Amino acid sequence: MGSFSLPHLIVMALVVLVLFGRGRISEMMGDFGKGIKSFKQGMSDEDNKPVPPPPAQLQQVPPPVAPAPVHTPTDQAQ
């Protein structure tokens, strides 16, 4: 009971032909074919393109550390 039989499919095909017309269906299938062709071409272009080397890793050099000032006790309580 949930599947389509051959008569159901034929009636559905006729309804689609009446709604869209033969020319429109042909045009849609042509566009579909062109889309698949360009997709395959794009995929093959990706495969043939050389892989660029990964960018060089820059080593982060820490900034130079200034020496800590030396505090000398001074005689301020005179």
Protein backbone atom coordinates (compact mmCIF):
# COMPACT_ATOMS: atom_id res chain seq x y z
CA MET A 1 0.00 0.00 0.00
CA GLY A 2 2.72 2.67 0.14
CA SER A 3 4.45 1.98 -3.15
CA PHE A 4 3.71 3.32 -6.60
CA SER A 5 2.71 0.96 -9.35
CA LEU A 6 3.30 1.45 -13.07
CA PRO A 7 -0.10 3.10 -13.74
CA HIS A 8 0.55 5.58 -10.92
CA LEU A 9 3.92 6.51 -12.38
CA ILE A 10 2.47 6.97 -15.87
CA VAL A 11 -0.27 9.28 -14.58
CA MET A 12 2.28 11.30 -12.60
CA ALA A 13 4.51 11.63 -15.70
CA LEU A 14 1.54 12.85 -17.77
CA VAL A 15 0.63 15.43 -15.13
CA VAL A 16 4.21 16.71 -15.05
CA LEU A 17 4.27 16.96 -18.85
CA VAL A 18 0.99 18.88 -18.88
CA LEU A 19 2.11 21.29 -16.15
CA PHE A 20 5.61 22.03 -17.41
CA GLY A 21 5.48 21.14 -21.09
CA ARG A 22 8.01 19.19 -23.07
CA GLY A 23 10.27 22.16 -23.81
CA ARG A 24 10.57 23.26 -20.19
CA ILE A 25 11.46 19.76 -18.97
CA SER A 26 14.06 19.42 -21.73
CA GLU A 27 15.54 22.79 -20.74
CA MET A 28 15.68 21.83 -17.06
CA MET A 29 17.40 18.52 -17.82
CA GLY A 30 19.94 20.33 -20.03
CA ASP A 31 20.70 22.78 -17.21
CA PHE A 32 21.01 19.87 -14.80
CA GLY A 33 23.50 18.14 -17.14
CA LYS A 34 25.54 21.33 -17.51
CA GLY A 35 25.66 21.70 -13.75
CA ILE A 36 26.95 18.17 -13.27
CA LYS A 37 29.52 18.66 -16.04
CA SER A 38 30.86 21.87 -14.49
CA PHE A 39 30.94 20.20 -11.06
CA LYS A 40 33.03 17.32 -12.40
CA GLN A 41 35.32 19.78 -14.19
CA GLY A 42 35.77 21.76 -10.99
CA MET A 43 36.59 18.61 -9.06
CA SER A 44 39.19 17.55 -11.64
CA ASP A 45 40.71 21.05 -11.59
CA GLU A 46 41.15 20.72 -7.84
CA ASP A 47 42.88 17.36 -8.28
CA ASN A 48 45.27 18.64 -10.98
CA LYS A 49 46.25 21.84 -9.17
CA PRO A 50 49.66 21.59 -7.45
CA VAL A 51 49.50 21.82 -3.71
CA PRO A 52 51.34 24.90 -2.43
CA PRO A 53 53.79 24.30 0.40
CA PRO A 54 52.52 25.25 3.82
CA PRO A 55 53.54 28.71 5.00
CA ALA A 56 56.74 28.87 6.99
CA GLN A 57 56.25 28.93 10.71
CA LEU A 58 57.64 32.09 12.23
CA GLN A 59 59.42 31.59 15.49
CA GLN A 60 58.41 34.11 18.06
CA VAL A 61 61.45 35.60 19.70
CA PRO A 62 60.68 36.96 23.16
CA PRO A 63 61.54 40.63 23.55
CA PRO A 64 64.82 41.31 25.33
CA VAL A 65 64.42 41.63 29.05
CA ALA A 66 66.03 44.67 30.61
CA PRO A 67 68.00 43.91 33.75
CA ALA A 68 66.26 44.81 36.97
CA PRO A 69 67.50 48.03 38.54
CA VAL A 70 69.78 47.51 41.48
CA HIS A 71 68.62 49.36 44.57
CA THR A 72 71.33 50.51 46.87
CA PRO A 73 70.46 51.65 50.31
CA THR A 74 71.09 55.34 50.68
CA ASP A 75 71.41 57.31 53.79
CA GLN A 76 68.39 59.59 53.65
CA ALA A 77 67.79 59.90 57.38
CA GLN A 78 70.57 62.41 58.14
